[in-house]
Amino acid sequence: MVPVYNAGRYIDLCSPSLLDQTIGRESYEIVYVDDGSTDDSAEQLDRLAARHPHVRVVHQENSGWPGKPRNVGVRVARGEYVQFVDQDDELTPEALERLHALAARNGSDIVMGKVAGTMQGPHNLFKRTVERCTAADIHLFESLTPHKMFRRAFLLDHGIEFPEGPVRLEDQLFMARAYVRARTVSILGDYPCYLWNRRDDGGNTSSRAAAPEDYYAHLRAVVEAVKEGTEPGALQDHLLRRSYRVELLRPVSEPRVLQRTGKALERYFDVVRRMALDAYPRGVREGLPAITRLRATLLEDGLLDSLVELARRTQDIKPHLTVDDIRWHEGKLRISTTIGMLRPDGEPLTLHERYGRLLLDPDLLEGIKGAEGWEAPHPLAHARGELLVHDTTRNDWWFPDADLTPRTEPLGSGRHRVLVSGVTVIDPLTLTGGDAMPPGTHQIWAHAQLLGVGRRARVTRPAPDPGLAPVTVGSPPRLVVPGWTAGDSQLRLAVAPPGSTDVSRRILLRVASAAPVRRTARTVLHHLPPTLRRRARKLAHRADPWRQAARDGAVPGRRT
């Protein structure tokens, strides 16, 4: 179902992706709920319904927020499952078919489809397809947008609704209530379902600022929803850590704590400190990684100046990645990497062993009140790393098979650094959910989470240059040309369409995927007059790989 308010031209951009889903028009309905639009959205929707029997439109007075139209849509829907879609987003052609098949196979209460687009970065929750899980098994609370498929009876039987009216974090409240009650959640990770793209008018983000007192009152409602659905203890603490780490600590972490000063900063500090002390069980803080737990302690102890100084230092911590080996082996690219963190002075971020205790880097924390002798008793508990492949044509991310293991490395004099290292294998024939990499440019990145610091790094050319050659894999043959971007020397793989393996194609792939060429194209587009720029983007939208593949009968990610 789609809530609509003054959608304008976005109705024409969204509706084609909904009208012709491969599940078949007889198997689903599209329910639009117009929330009292003042433009021509209502008329556009009525014309859609007149042309397409599987489209229904509900008109209502303006409620001012998406909660009520979503609730109305759930109540009037006639299907077993309901998929929420926002008016300026899109579904990929097979989304409903695949999501519903996964739901039917497992009797799922919630099915989460992989999200792609310019508003969505990499998310390892969608690393693989998961048939059955719950919030106790997987970090589901890392995905709190409602753009998922829900069993309608599950929502109605439990009275799970969106708050109506101007309520901040309404999506989080809805999802918190759903996650703690869901007996079966399924995750579709091998096919991008939901396209979440940034609007060129900035309309994705609300322009209505919220006072900290109001915002955190709404966050408190999310916390209470988790508490209502769980017993005190380890699970409840686990489910609450995301809101503490992301929402509560945001105003006292970089960059926010360095952007505000004076009374404005003190106001946020007082609000979040009060909530930290009286809304969260102590076990929430104790289960955080070293630097995050230090922030939480400084917050609860009332040490604002220490939080500011800690942020000044940690904002300049940088990832350090080395490519230990890279080579083709039986048509697969094997990359051995080691990832660590460097302090602002360029030295490794370390742990110091003293009297049988591991202390967080004293050089980083020197002079910060409340941080003296800060202990990191379980430095590997939250450490992880992975390589990612970014399909720049489709703004999609994939996680190749990897065996990266956290470890500590002694540096002498009782000093140790935390690293993640191992081998990642990129198989061009199976990377994208078991299917071959689609044509286009694919950039290789690394991400690491160490001691409470998360950083993404480019996988860059080692010395000496490994001299990676193009390879041809599969049948029909697919040409994969490795290369290194200009300037930052980032590893990229340029993939040609199946059957295009001649010399001219190899040259074209190397040139077209080069960073200067791509930058020039973006610059030209940016300097076009607004009318021409919109036309160019419309043409690019028509050439969208999802749409093109659907027209050709070969949807990316579809097994044939």
Protein backbone atom coordinates (compact mmCIF):
# COMPACT_ATOMS: atom_id res chain seq x y z
CA MET A 1 0.00 0.00 0.00
CA VAL A 2 1.13 3.55 -0.77
CA PRO A 3 0.34 6.65 1.35
CA VAL A 4 0.16 9.73 -0.86
CA TYR A 5 0.31 13.44 -0.17
CA ASN A 6 1.09 15.98 -2.92
CA ALA A 7 3.18 13.42 -4.77
CA GLY A 8 3.05 15.27 -8.09
CA ARG A 9 5.29 13.76 -10.75
CA TYR A 10 6.50 11.02 -8.41
CA ILE A 11 3.26 9.12 -8.98
CA ASP A 12 4.32 8.59 -12.59
CA LEU A 13 7.82 7.54 -11.46
CA CYS A 14 6.62 5.09 -8.81
CA SER A 15 3.49 3.56 -10.36
CA PRO A 16 5.09 1.70 -13.32
CA SER A 17 7.16 -0.36 -10.89
CA LEU A 18 3.97 -1.38 -9.04
CA LEU A 19 1.60 -2.03 -11.94
CA ASP A 20 3.39 -4.90 -13.66
CA GLN A 21 4.91 -7.04 -10.92
CA THR A 22 5.82 -10.52 -12.13
CA ILE A 23 3.58 -12.13 -9.51
CA GLY A 24 0.70 -11.34 -11.89
CA ARG A 25 -2.01 -8.69 -11.69
CA GLU A 26 -4.58 -11.22 -10.55
CA SER A 27 -2.48 -11.98 -7.44
CA TYR A 28 -2.24 -8.53 -5.84
CA GLU A 29 -3.85 -5.13 -5.53
CA ILE A 30 -2.33 -1.68 -5.22
CA VAL A 31 -3.99 0.42 -2.51
CA TYR A 32 -3.27 4.14 -2.62
CA VAL A 33 -4.48 6.24 0.33
CA ASP A 34 -4.56 9.92 -0.57
CA ASP A 35 -4.11 11.99 2.58
CA GLY A 36 -6.02 15.07 1.40
CA SER A 37 -3.57 16.19 -1.29
CA THR A 38 -3.90 19.80 -2.43
CA ASP A 39 -2.25 19.28 -5.82
CA ASP A 40 -3.52 17.03 -8.60
CA SER A 41 -2.41 13.78 -6.92
CA ALA A 42 -5.98 12.66 -6.20
CA GLU A 43 -6.97 13.07 -9.85
CA GLN A 44 -3.85 11.23 -11.03
CA LEU A 45 -4.65 8.32 -8.73
CA ASP A 46 -8.27 8.16 -9.87
CA ARG A 47 -7.12 7.99 -13.49
CA LEU A 48 -4.76 5.13 -12.58
CA ALA A 49 -7.60 3.23 -10.91
CA ALA A 50 -9.84 3.77 -13.92
CA ARG A 51 -7.24 2.24 -16.23
CA HIS A 52 -6.07 -0.61 -14.01
CA PRO A 53 -8.59 -2.88 -12.23
CA HIS A 54 -6.04 -3.95 -9.59
CA VAL A 55 -5.59 -0.35 -8.40
CA ARG A 56 -7.78 1.01 -5.58
CA VAL A 57 -7.78 4.56 -4.22
CA VAL A 58 -8.98 5.73 -0.81
CA HIS A 59 -9.44 9.47 -0.25
CA GLN A 60 -9.39 10.97 3.24
CA GLU A 61 -8.99 14.32 4.94
CA ASN A 62 -5.44 15.42 5.57
CA SER A 63 -3.94 13.92 8.71
CA GLY A 64 -0.58 15.61 8.29
CA TRP A 65 1.57 12.49 8.64
CA PRO A 66 1.92 9.08 6.93
CA GLY A 67 0.76 7.05 9.93
CA LYS A 68 -3.01 7.30 9.42
CA PRO A 69 -3.03 6.58 5.66
CA ARG A 70 -0.85 3.51 6.28
CA ASN A 71 -3.23 2.27 8.98
CA VAL A 72 -6.21 2.83 6.69
CA GLY A 73 -4.44 0.95 3.92
CA VAL A 74 -3.87 -2.07 6.15
CA ARG A 75 -7.51 -2.13 7.24
CA VAL A 76 -8.99 -1.91 3.72
CA ALA A 77 -6.47 -4.27 2.08
CA ARG A 78 -7.77 -7.68 1.05
CA GLY A 79 -4.56 -9.64 0.64
CA GLU A 80 -2.86 -11.98 3.08
CA TYR A 81 0.26 -9.79 3.07
CA VAL A 82 0.78 -6.04 2.79
CA GLN A 83 3.90 -4.35 1.42
CA PHE A 84 4.50 -0.71 2.38
CA VAL A 85 5.87 1.55 -0.37
CA ASP A 86 6.43 5.31 -0.16
CA GLN A 87 5.15 7.51 -2.95
CA ASP A 88 8.61 8.44 -4.26
CA ASP A 89 10.16 4.95 -4.15
CA GLU A 90 9.94 1.91 -6.41
CA LEU A 91 9.84 -1.86 -6.35
CA THR A 92 11.95 -4.02 -8.65
CA PRO A 93 9.96 -6.23 -11.05
CA GLU A 94 10.11 -9.50 -9.11
CA ALA A 95 9.90 -8.01 -5.63
CA LEU A 96 6.38 -9.11 -4.68
CA GLU A 97 6.77 -12.55 -6.25
CA ARG A 98 9.98 -13.31 -4.41
CA LEU A 99 8.94 -11.79 -1.08
CA HIS A 100 5.60 -13.59 -1.07
CA ALA A 101 7.21 -16.92 -1.99
CA LEU A 102 9.59 -16.56 0.95
CA ALA A 103 6.70 -15.62 3.24
CA ALA A 104 4.51 -18.52 2.10
CA ARG A 105 7.36 -20.98 2.48
CA ASN A 106 7.97 -20.02 6.10
CA GLY A 107 4.66 -18.63 7.35
CA SER A 108 6.50 -15.38 8.00
CA ASP A 109 5.07 -12.49 10.01
CA ILE A 110 7.57 -10.08 8.43
CA VAL A 111 9.63 -10.38 5.25
CA MET A 112 12.49 -7.95 4.74
CA GLY A 113 13.57 -7.33 1.15
CA LYS A 114 16.98 -6.02 0.23
CA VAL A 115 17.06 -2.25 -0.36
CA ALA A 116 19.11 -0.52 -3.07
CA GLY A 117 19.40 3.05 -4.32
CA THR A 118 21.06 6.36 -3.53
CA MET A 119 19.46 6.58 -0.06
CA GLN A 120 20.72 3.16 1.00
CA GLY A 121 24.30 2.25 1.77
CA PRO A 122 25.63 -1.26 2.36
CA HIS A 123 23.77 -3.23 5.02
CA ASN A 124 25.12 -6.62 6.10
CA LEU A 125 21.68 -7.57 7.39
CA PHE A 126 21.06 -8.41 3.72
CA LYS A 127 24.34 -10.26 3.22
CA ARG A 128 22.49 -13.55 2.71
CA THR A 129 18.91 -14.79 2.48
CA VAL A 130 17.61 -16.00 5.86
CA GLU A 131 14.56 -18.24 5.78
CA ARG A 132 13.57 -17.93 9.44
CA CYS A 133 14.81 -15.81 12.34
CA THR A 134 13.66 -13.52 15.15
CA ALA A 135 15.01 -10.39 16.81
CA ALA A 136 16.76 -12.69 19.28
CA ASP A 137 18.80 -14.31 16.49
CA ILE A 138 19.78 -11.44 14.20
CA HIS A 139 20.25 -7.68 14.63
CA LEU A 140 16.86 -6.86 13.09
CA PHE A 141 16.70 -3.53 14.94
CA GLU A 142 19.40 -2.25 12.59
CA SER A 143 16.61 -1.94 9.98
CA LEU A 144 13.77 0.21 11.31
CA THR A 145 12.14 1.49 8.13
CA PRO A 146 8.70 -0.03 7.43
CA HIS A 147 9.29 -0.76 3.73
CA LYS A 148 8.75 -4.45 4.28
CA MET A 149 6.10 -7.11 3.74
CA PHE A 150 3.87 -7.93 6.73
CA ARG A 151 1.31 -10.64 7.29
CA ARG A 152 -1.86 -8.58 7.58
CA ALA A 153 -3.46 -10.80 10.25
CA PHE A 154 -0.28 -10.48 12.34
CA LEU A 155 -0.65 -6.69 12.40
CA LEU A 156 -4.39 -6.75 13.07
CA ASP A 157 -4.33 -9.50 15.71
CA HIS A 158 -1.65 -7.73 17.74
CA GLY A 159 -3.05 -4.23 17.17
CA ILE A 160 0.24 -3.08 15.63
CA GLU A 161 -0.39 0.32 14.06
CA PHE A 162 1.50 3.45 13.19
CA PRO A 163 0.96 6.37 15.56
CA GLU A 164 -1.26 8.94 13.88
CA GLY A 165 -0.54 12.64 13.66
CA PRO A 166 2.82 14.42 13.92
CA VAL A 167 4.89 11.79 15.73
CA ARG A 168 8.65 11.59 15.25
CA LEU A 169 10.22 8.15 14.91
CA GLU A 170 6.83 6.70 14.00
CA ASP A 171 8.54 4.10 11.81
CA GLN A 172 10.78 3.00 14.68
CA LEU A 173 7.82 2.70 17.04
CA PHE A 174 5.89 0.59 14.55
CA MET A 175 8.85 -1.67 13.83
CA ALA A 176 9.73 -2.07 17.53
CA ARG A 177 6.20 -3.26 18.26
CA ALA A 178 6.34 -5.64 15.30
CA TYR A 179 9.80 -7.11 15.91
CA VAL A 180 9.23 -8.03 19.56
CA ARG A 181 6.02 -9.90 18.63
CA ALA A 182 7.10 -11.58 15.39
CA ARG A 183 7.62 -15.33 15.66
CA THR A 184 9.08 -15.68 12.18
CA VAL A 185 10.99 -13.05 10.22
CA SER A 186 12.49 -13.81 6.81
CA ILE A 187 15.20 -11.84 5.01
CA LEU A 188 15.54 -11.79 1.22
CA GLY A 189 19.15 -10.88 0.62
CA ASP A 190 19.84 -12.28 -2.84
CA TYR A 191 17.63 -9.91 -4.83
CA PRO A 192 17.20 -6.12 -4.43
CA CYS A 193 13.48 -5.49 -3.90
CA TYR A 194 13.06 -1.88 -2.83
CA LEU A 195 14.61 1.11 -4.63
CA TRP A 196 15.06 4.02 -2.22
CA ASN A 197 16.45 6.96 -4.16
CA ARG A 198 17.20 10.51 -3.07
CA ARG A 199 14.76 13.04 -4.53
CA ASP A 200 16.30 15.89 -6.47
CA ASP A 201 14.14 18.37 -4.50
CA GLY A 202 15.28 17.00 -1.13
CA GLY A 203 11.75 15.83 -0.34
CA ASN A 204 12.86 12.54 1.26
CA THR A 205 13.79 14.36 4.46
CA SER A 206 11.34 16.19 6.67
CA SER A 207 11.99 19.92 6.90
CA ARG A 208 10.18 20.19 10.22
CA ALA A 209 12.82 20.46 12.95
CA ALA A 210 12.06 18.90 16.32
CA ALA A 211 13.12 20.24 19.70
CA PRO A 212 15.33 17.76 21.57
CA GLU A 213 12.73 17.41 24.33
CA ASP A 214 10.10 16.37 21.77
CA TYR A 215 12.38 14.14 19.73
CA TYR A 216 13.64 12.16 22.71
CA ALA A 217 10.16 11.90 24.18
CA HIS A 218 9.27 10.00 21.01
CA LEU A 219 12.43 7.87 21.34
CA ARG A 220 11.34 7.08 24.88
CA ALA A 221 8.12 5.64 23.42
CA VAL A 222 10.22 3.33 21.21
CA VAL A 223 12.20 2.18 24.25
CA GLU A 224 9.00 1.52 26.17
CA ALA A 225 7.62 -0.51 23.26
CA VAL A 226 10.66 -2.80 23.46
CA LYS A 227 10.29 -3.13 27.22
CA GLU A 228 6.59 -3.94 26.92
CA GLY A 229 7.35 -6.78 24.51
CA THR A 230 10.28 -8.35 26.38
CA GLU A 231 11.30 -9.41 29.86
CA PRO A 232 14.16 -7.57 31.61
CA GLY A 233 17.47 -9.25 30.89
CA ALA A 234 19.98 -9.99 28.16
CA LEU A 235 17.55 -9.98 25.22
CA GLN A 236 15.94 -6.70 26.20
CA ASP A 237 19.37 -5.10 26.68
CA HIS A 238 20.43 -6.41 23.27
CA LEU A 239 17.38 -4.94 21.53
CA LEU A 240 17.82 -1.54 23.21
CA ARG A 241 21.49 -1.09 22.31
CA ARG A 242 20.76 0.16 18.82
CA SER A 243 18.67 3.14 19.99
CA TYR A 244 21.21 3.95 22.73
CA ARG A 245 24.16 3.76 20.35
CA VAL A 246 22.58 5.49 17.34
CA GLU A 247 19.91 7.85 18.65
CA LEU A 248 20.93 8.65 22.22
CA LEU A 249 24.69 9.03 21.72
CA ARG A 250 24.38 10.94 18.43
CA PRO A 251 24.26 14.45 19.99
CA VAL A 252 27.33 13.71 22.14
CA SER A 253 29.42 12.07 19.40
CA GLU A 254 31.20 13.47 16.37
CA PRO A 255 30.22 15.33 14.28
CA ARG A 256 27.17 16.68 16.17
CA VAL A 257 28.88 17.39 19.49
CA LEU A 258 31.52 19.43 17.63
CA GLN A 259 28.97 21.38 15.60
CA ARG A 260 26.91 22.70 18.53
CA THR A 261 28.22 25.00 21.25
CA GLY A 262 27.05 26.80 24.36
CA LYS A 263 23.44 26.53 25.47
CA ALA A 264 22.36 24.55 22.40
CA LEU A 265 24.89 21.80 23.16
CA GLU A 266 24.09 21.81 26.87
CA ARG A 267 20.38 21.47 26.10
CA TYR A 268 20.90 18.32 24.04
CA PHE A 269 23.35 16.95 26.59
CA ASP A 270 20.91 17.42 29.47
CA VAL A 271 18.04 15.78 27.55
CA VAL A 272 19.95 12.68 26.46
CA ARG A 273 21.72 12.27 29.81
CA ARG A 274 18.41 12.31 31.66
CA MET A 275 17.05 9.67 29.28
CA ALA A 276 20.19 7.52 29.54
CA LEU A 277 19.89 7.44 33.31
CA ASP A 278 16.20 6.66 33.67
CA ALA A 279 15.11 4.84 30.47
CA TYR A 280 17.85 2.27 29.82
CA PRO A 281 18.87 -0.68 32.00
CA ARG A 282 22.53 -0.71 33.00
CA GLY A 283 23.17 -3.84 30.95
CA VAL A 284 22.61 -1.84 27.74
CA ARG A 285 25.70 0.27 28.35
CA GLU A 286 27.82 -2.61 29.60
CA GLY A 287 27.36 -4.54 26.36
CA LEU A 288 28.77 -1.79 24.12
CA PRO A 289 32.27 -1.88 22.54
CA ALA A 290 35.11 -0.03 24.28
CA ILE A 291 34.93 3.50 22.85
CA THR A 292 31.12 3.49 22.63
CA ARG A 293 30.90 2.31 26.25
CA LEU A 294 33.29 5.09 27.25
CA ARG A 295 31.01 7.68 25.62
CA ALA A 296 28.03 6.21 27.46
CA THR A 297 29.86 6.38 30.79
CA LEU A 298 31.01 9.96 30.25
CA LEU A 299 27.44 10.89 29.34
CA GLU A 300 25.91 9.27 32.39
CA ASP A 301 28.63 10.74 34.63
CA GLY A 302 27.83 14.24 33.32
CA LEU A 303 31.24 14.94 31.70
CA LEU A 304 30.29 17.01 28.65
CA ASP A 305 33.76 18.53 28.17
CA SER A 306 35.27 15.05 28.11
CA LEU A 307 32.78 13.95 25.47
CA VAL A 308 33.73 16.92 23.30
CA GLU A 309 37.44 16.18 23.61
CA LEU A 310 36.93 12.48 22.93
CA ALA A 311 35.01 13.36 19.78
CA ARG A 312 37.80 15.68 18.59
CA ARG A 313 40.25 12.82 18.80
CA THR A 314 38.16 9.93 17.54
CA GLN A 315 36.84 11.81 14.49
CA ASP A 316 40.32 11.59 12.97
CA ILE A 317 40.84 7.87 13.55
CA LYS A 318 41.40 6.37 10.11
CA PRO A 319 41.25 2.84 8.73
CA HIS A 320 44.47 1.25 7.54
CA LEU A 321 44.09 -1.50 4.97
CA THR A 322 46.82 -3.56 3.39
CA VAL A 323 46.34 -5.91 0.46
CA ASP A 324 48.58 -8.82 1.37
CA ASP A 325 47.87 -10.79 -1.79
CA ILE A 326 45.54 -10.52 -4.78
CA ARG A 327 45.26 -12.94 -7.69
CA TRP A 328 42.88 -14.76 -10.00
CA HIS A 329 42.34 -18.42 -9.15
CA GLU A 330 40.04 -20.59 -11.26
CA GLY A 331 38.09 -17.57 -12.46
CA LYS A 332 37.66 -16.09 -8.96
CA LEU A 333 39.45 -13.08 -7.50
CA ARG A 334 41.10 -13.94 -4.17
CA ILE A 335 42.04 -10.93 -2.02
CA SER A 336 43.96 -11.27 1.25
CA THR A 337 43.62 -8.18 3.43
CA THR A 338 44.45 -6.87 6.88
CA ILE A 339 42.49 -3.97 8.38
CA GLY A 340 43.35 -1.93 11.46
CA MET A 341 42.85 1.58 12.81
CA LEU A 342 45.28 4.51 13.10
CA ARG A 343 45.16 7.31 15.66
CA PRO A 344 45.17 10.94 14.42
CA ASP A 345 48.98 10.98 14.78
CA GLY A 346 49.27 8.06 12.33
CA GLU A 347 50.24 5.48 14.96
CA PRO A 348 48.18 2.31 15.45
CA LEU A 349 45.19 2.45 17.78
CA THR A 350 46.34 0.12 20.53
CA LEU A 351 45.53 -1.67 23.74
CA HIS A 352 48.00 -1.62 26.64
CA GLU A 353 48.37 -4.63 28.90
CA ARG A 354 48.85 -3.69 32.56
CA TYR A 355 48.58 -6.05 35.51
CA GLY A 356 46.54 -8.52 33.47
CA ARG A 357 44.11 -5.86 32.22
CA LEU A 358 43.75 -4.50 28.67
CA LEU A 359 43.44 -0.72 28.66
CA LEU A 360 42.25 1.38 25.72
CA ASP A 361 45.07 3.39 24.11
CA PRO A 362 46.36 5.78 26.84
CA ASP A 363 47.89 8.06 24.19
CA LEU A 364 44.44 8.57 22.64
CA LEU A 365 42.76 9.23 25.99
CA GLU A 366 45.49 11.23 27.76
CA GLY A 367 44.06 14.18 29.69
CA ILE A 368 40.39 13.25 29.19
CA LYS A 369 38.71 13.34 32.58
CA GLY A 370 36.83 10.13 33.34
CA ALA A 371 38.70 8.13 30.68
CA GLU A 372 41.81 7.31 32.69
CA GLY A 373 42.64 3.60 32.69
CA TRP A 374 39.64 2.73 30.53
CA GLU A 375 39.43 -1.01 30.25
CA ALA A 376 38.62 -3.01 27.09
CA PRO A 377 38.11 -6.49 28.58
CA HIS A 378 36.71 -8.13 25.44
CA PRO A 379 38.38 -6.38 22.50
CA LEU A 380 37.39 -9.00 19.90
CA ALA A 381 33.76 -9.37 20.97
CA HIS A 382 32.54 -6.58 18.68
CA ALA A 383 35.33 -6.70 16.07
CA ARG A 384 34.44 -7.57 12.51
CA GLY A 385 35.46 -6.75 8.97
CA GLU A 386 34.33 -7.46 5.43
CA LEU A 387 34.88 -6.55 1.81
CA LEU A 388 32.02 -5.14 -0.22
CA VAL A 389 31.34 -4.79 -3.93
CA HIS A 390 29.49 -1.64 -5.02
CA ASP A 391 27.55 -1.92 -8.27
CA THR A 392 27.79 1.76 -9.22
CA THR A 393 25.29 1.44 -12.07
CA ARG A 394 22.47 0.26 -9.82
CA ASN A 395 23.64 1.68 -6.46
CA ASP A 396 23.58 -1.81 -5.05
CA TRP A 397 26.00 -3.52 -2.66
CA TRP A 398 27.02 -7.17 -2.45
CA PHE A 399 28.99 -9.14 0.12
CA PRO A 400 31.37 -11.71 -1.37
CA ASP A 401 32.35 -14.89 0.47
CA ALA A 402 34.93 -14.00 3.08
CA ASP A 403 36.82 -15.46 6.01
CA LEU A 404 37.99 -12.37 7.93
CA THR A 405 38.89 -13.05 11.54
CA PRO A 406 39.54 -10.55 14.34
CA ARG A 407 42.80 -10.92 16.24
CA THR A 408 45.24 -9.00 18.39
CA GLU A 409 48.83 -8.47 17.31
CA PRO A 410 51.56 -7.74 19.86
CA LEU A 411 53.65 -4.62 19.17
CA GLY A 412 56.03 -4.90 22.11
CA SER A 413 56.16 -3.29 25.56
CA GLY A 414 52.72 -4.67 26.41
CA ARG A 415 51.08 -2.94 23.45
CA HIS A 416 48.65 -4.72 21.11
CA ARG A 417 46.59 -3.67 18.14
CA VAL A 418 43.26 -5.14 17.02
CA LEU A 419 43.07 -6.31 13.40
CA VAL A 420 40.75 -8.21 11.12
CA SER A 421 42.44 -10.25 8.41
CA GLY A 422 41.72 -13.04 6.01
CA VAL A 423 40.74 -13.95 2.47
CA THR A 424 37.78 -12.70 0.43
CA VAL A 425 36.76 -14.49 -2.77
CA ILE A 426 34.87 -12.59 -5.47
CA ASP A 427 33.23 -14.99 -7.90
CA PRO A 428 31.94 -13.02 -10.93
CA LEU A 429 29.50 -15.86 -11.72
CA THR A 430 27.78 -16.05 -8.31
CA LEU A 431 28.37 -12.74 -6.50
CA THR A 432 24.92 -11.22 -6.94
CA GLY A 433 22.72 -13.60 -5.01
CA GLY A 434 24.04 -16.66 -6.81
CA ASP A 435 23.97 -15.02 -10.25
CA ALA A 436 26.62 -13.43 -12.43
CA MET A 437 27.70 -9.84 -11.92
CA PRO A 438 25.69 -7.59 -14.27
CA PRO A 439 27.45 -5.37 -16.81
CA GLY A 440 28.90 -2.17 -15.42
CA THR A 441 31.52 -0.90 -13.01
CA HIS A 442 31.90 -2.50 -9.59
CA GLN A 443 34.11 -0.87 -6.95
CA ILE A 444 35.69 -2.84 -4.10
CA TRP A 445 35.53 -1.47 -0.54
CA ALA A 446 36.38 -2.72 2.92
CA HIS A 447 34.60 -2.04 6.20
CA ALA A 448 35.81 -2.69 9.73
CA GLN A 449 34.35 -2.23 13.20
CA LEU A 450 37.10 -2.22 15.84
CA LEU A 451 36.85 -1.13 19.49
CA GLY A 452 33.69 0.84 18.72
CA VAL A 453 35.08 2.67 15.68
CA GLY A 454 33.51 1.86 12.31
CA ARG A 455 35.24 2.92 9.11
CA ARG A 456 35.00 2.16 5.39
CA ALA A 457 38.13 2.08 3.25
CA ARG A 458 38.94 1.70 -0.42
CA VAL A 459 40.73 -1.46 -1.48
CA THR A 460 43.73 0.11 -3.19
CA ARG A 461 46.57 -1.08 -5.38
CA PRO A 462 49.38 -2.78 -3.46
CA ALA A 463 53.06 -2.38 -4.21
CA PRO A 464 54.38 -3.89 -6.33
CA ASP A 465 51.51 -3.72 -8.80
CA PRO A 466 50.03 -7.24 -9.03
CA GLY A 467 49.36 -6.84 -12.77
CA LEU A 468 45.87 -8.31 -12.75
CA ALA A 469 44.83 -9.44 -16.21
CA PRO A 470 41.30 -9.48 -17.65
CA VAL A 471 39.53 -12.83 -17.43
CA THR A 472 36.70 -14.46 -19.32
CA VAL A 473 34.34 -16.58 -17.27
CA GLY A 474 31.15 -18.56 -17.77
CA SER A 475 29.05 -19.51 -20.75
CA PRO A 476 28.19 -17.41 -22.65
CA PRO A 477 31.58 -15.87 -21.89
CA ARG A 478 31.70 -12.76 -19.69
CA LEU A 479 34.65 -10.41 -19.77
CA VAL A 480 35.81 -9.04 -16.39
CA VAL A 481 38.47 -6.33 -16.55
CA PRO A 482 40.16 -5.36 -13.25
CA GLY A 483 41.63 -1.90 -12.91
CA TRP A 484 42.54 0.88 -10.50
CA THR A 485 40.83 4.25 -10.41
CA ALA A 486 42.84 7.39 -11.09
CA GLY A 487 43.96 9.35 -8.05
CA ASP A 488 42.91 7.02 -5.24
CA SER A 489 43.89 3.76 -7.02
CA GLN A 490 40.75 1.92 -5.89
CA LEU A 491 40.20 -1.58 -7.20
CA ARG A 492 37.32 -1.85 -9.67
CA LEU A 493 35.94 -4.59 -11.86
CA ALA A 494 34.44 -3.62 -15.20
CA VAL A 495 32.03 -6.29 -16.46
CA ALA A 496 30.99 -6.55 -20.10
CA PRO A 497 27.66 -7.93 -21.34
CA PRO A 498 27.66 -11.70 -21.98
CA GLY A 499 29.39 -12.53 -25.26
CA SER A 500 31.28 -9.22 -25.53
CA THR A 501 34.89 -10.31 -25.20
CA ASP A 502 36.73 -8.73 -28.13
CA VAL A 503 39.67 -6.32 -27.85
CA SER A 504 37.58 -3.22 -28.57
CA ARG A 505 35.25 -4.10 -25.70
CA ARG A 506 38.23 -4.44 -23.36
CA ILE A 507 39.47 -0.98 -24.29
CA LEU A 508 36.00 0.56 -23.96
CA LEU A 509 35.50 -0.97 -20.51
CA ARG A 510 38.79 0.42 -19.25
CA VAL A 511 38.03 3.92 -20.57
CA ALA A 512 34.34 4.15 -19.60
CA SER A 513 34.96 2.98 -16.04
CA ALA A 514 37.79 5.43 -15.48
CA ALA A 515 37.13 7.98 -12.74
CA PRO A 516 37.92 11.10 -14.85
CA VAL A 517 35.34 10.06 -17.48
CA ARG A 518 32.68 9.47 -14.83
CA ARG A 519 33.47 12.77 -13.09
CA THR A 520 33.24 14.65 -16.39
CA ALA A 521 29.80 13.17 -17.09
CA ARG A 522 28.55 14.22 -13.64
CA THR A 523 29.99 17.73 -14.09
CA VAL A 524 28.30 18.16 -17.47
CA LEU A 525 24.97 17.02 -16.02
CA HIS A 526 25.31 19.38 -13.07
CA HIS A 527 25.85 22.41 -15.33
CA LEU A 528 22.89 21.75 -17.60
CA PRO A 529 19.90 24.10 -17.26
CA PRO A 530 17.29 22.65 -14.85
CA THR A 531 14.89 21.72 -17.65
CA LEU A 532 17.53 19.82 -19.62
CA ARG A 533 18.88 18.26 -16.44
CA ARG A 534 15.45 16.87 -15.60
CA ARG A 535 15.08 15.54 -19.14
CA ALA A 536 18.49 13.89 -18.94
CA ARG A 537 17.60 12.27 -15.64
CA LYS A 538 14.29 11.11 -17.08
CA LEU A 539 16.15 9.46 -19.95
CA ALA A 540 18.52 7.85 -17.47
CA HIS A 541 15.51 6.64 -15.50
CA ARG A 542 14.06 5.05 -18.63
CA ALA A 543 17.38 3.35 -19.17
CA ASP A 544 17.32 2.04 -15.61
CA PRO A 545 18.86 -1.46 -15.60
CA TRP A 546 15.92 -2.93 -13.70
CA ARG A 547 13.43 -1.62 -16.26
CA GLN A 548 15.60 -2.53 -19.23
CA ALA A 549 16.12 -6.04 -17.91
CA ALA A 550 12.39 -6.47 -17.34
CA ARG A 551 11.67 -5.37 -20.92
CA ASP A 552 14.28 -7.83 -22.18
CA GLY A 553 12.93 -10.62 -19.99
CA ALA A 554 16.19 -10.97 -18.01
CA VAL A 555 15.81 -9.30 -14.64
CA PRO A 556 19.11 -8.77 -12.76
CA GLY A 557 19.36 -11.44 -10.09
CA ARG A 558 16.80 -13.73 -11.73
CA ARG A 559 17.79 -17.34 -12.15
CA THR A 560 17.00 -18.72 -15.59
